[in-house]
Amino acid sequence: MSYHYPLDESWSRQEIIDVVNFFNMIEMAYEGQVKRTDLLLAYERFKQIVPAKSEEKRFYADFQKSSGYSAYRVLKEAKNSTQDKIRCNR
């Protein structure tokens, strides 16, 4: 499925691509599975683009409102897991 991705119009094209990729991986964790290392790398890049915790929380809330998927929950699972693949249930 396709959801509304929270974006900032001041970002460069590459930054938009990287943020969309990050949120796409959150979707994949709910709709199938995602490779843990790829997700953590995408999150690292997301944090370079959105370094402020308050902004990060706002983007997460906007995405969750649109999709029903929690980026926080997926990342918590990825950080605490030793599994190669991450999968979340609603």
Protein backbone atom coordinates (compact mmCIF):
# COMPACT_ATOMS: atom_id res chain seq x y z
CA MET A 1 0.00 0.00 0.00
CA SER A 2 0.98 3.60 -0.38
CA TYR A 3 0.77 6.06 2.47
CA HIS A 4 1.37 9.72 3.04
CA TYR A 5 5.01 10.19 3.95
CA PRO A 6 5.78 13.15 6.20
CA LEU A 7 8.26 15.36 4.36
CA ASP A 8 9.85 18.78 4.67
CA GLU A 9 9.88 20.86 1.51
CA SER A 10 13.28 22.32 2.41
CA TRP A 11 14.94 18.90 1.96
CA SER A 12 16.97 18.05 -1.11
CA ARG A 13 15.76 15.42 -3.55
CA GLN A 14 18.17 12.86 -2.08
CA GLU A 15 17.02 13.61 1.47
CA ILE A 16 13.39 13.07 0.42
CA ILE A 17 14.34 9.76 -1.21
CA ASP A 18 16.18 8.67 1.94
CA VAL A 19 13.30 9.58 4.28
CA VAL A 20 10.76 7.82 2.04
CA ASN A 21 13.05 4.78 1.99
CA PHE A 22 13.15 4.77 5.81
CA PHE A 23 9.36 4.92 6.15
CA ASN A 24 9.02 2.31 3.40
CA MET A 25 11.14 -0.04 5.53
CA ILE A 26 8.81 0.58 8.48
CA GLU A 27 5.92 -0.48 6.21
CA MET A 28 7.82 -3.57 5.10
CA ALA A 29 8.38 -4.62 8.72
CA TYR A 30 4.59 -4.72 9.20
CA GLU A 31 3.59 -6.08 5.80
CA GLY A 32 6.31 -8.72 5.56
CA GLN A 33 9.80 -8.43 6.89
CA VAL A 34 12.82 -6.19 6.54
CA LYS A 35 16.52 -6.82 6.95
CA ARG A 36 17.58 -5.49 10.35
CA THR A 37 20.89 -3.98 9.19
CA ASP A 38 19.23 -2.20 6.26
CA LEU A 39 16.60 -0.73 8.58
CA LEU A 40 19.21 0.51 11.06
CA LEU A 41 21.25 2.09 8.26
CA ALA A 42 18.13 3.81 6.91
CA TYR A 43 17.39 5.09 10.42
CA GLU A 44 20.93 6.40 10.76
CA ARG A 45 20.46 8.36 7.52
CA PHE A 46 17.03 9.57 8.70
CA LYS A 47 18.67 10.92 11.88
CA GLN A 48 21.21 12.84 9.78
CA ILE A 49 18.31 14.55 8.01
CA VAL A 50 16.09 14.92 11.11
CA PRO A 51 18.49 15.29 14.06
CA ALA A 52 16.04 16.87 16.54
CA LYS A 53 14.15 14.37 18.71
CA SER A 54 11.02 16.58 18.69
CA GLU A 55 10.94 16.64 14.89
CA GLU A 56 11.56 12.90 14.76
CA LYS A 57 8.56 12.31 17.05
CA ARG A 58 6.40 14.61 14.90
CA PHE A 59 7.31 12.74 11.71
CA TYR A 60 6.64 9.41 13.44
CA ALA A 61 3.22 10.63 14.64
CA ASP A 62 2.28 11.91 11.18
CA PHE A 63 3.29 8.62 9.58
CA GLN A 64 1.47 6.56 12.19
CA LYS A 65 -1.68 8.63 11.74
CA SER A 66 -1.54 8.01 7.98
CA SER A 67 -0.53 4.34 7.99
CA GLY A 68 -1.27 2.91 11.42
CA TYR A 69 2.37 1.76 11.64
CA SER A 70 4.64 2.73 14.54
CA ALA A 71 8.20 3.60 13.51
CA TYR A 72 9.15 3.70 17.19
CA ARG A 73 7.95 0.14 17.75
CA VAL A 74 9.80 -1.20 14.70
CA LEU A 75 13.03 0.53 15.67
CA LYS A 76 12.77 -0.68 19.25
CA GLU A 77 12.38 -4.22 17.95
CA ALA A 78 15.35 -3.79 15.58
CA LYS A 79 17.62 -2.39 18.28
CA ASN A 80 16.73 -5.10 20.80
CA SER A 81 16.80 -8.02 18.38
CA THR A 82 19.65 -10.22 17.25
CA GLN A 83 17.56 -11.65 14.39
CA ASP A 84 18.59 -10.85 10.82
CA LYS A 85 15.02 -10.01 9.77
CA ILE A 86 12.51 -7.79 11.58
CA ARG A 87 8.76 -8.36 11.46
CA CYS A 88 6.10 -6.52 13.48
CA ASN A 89 2.46 -7.34 14.06
CA ARG A 90 -0.18 -4.69 14.46
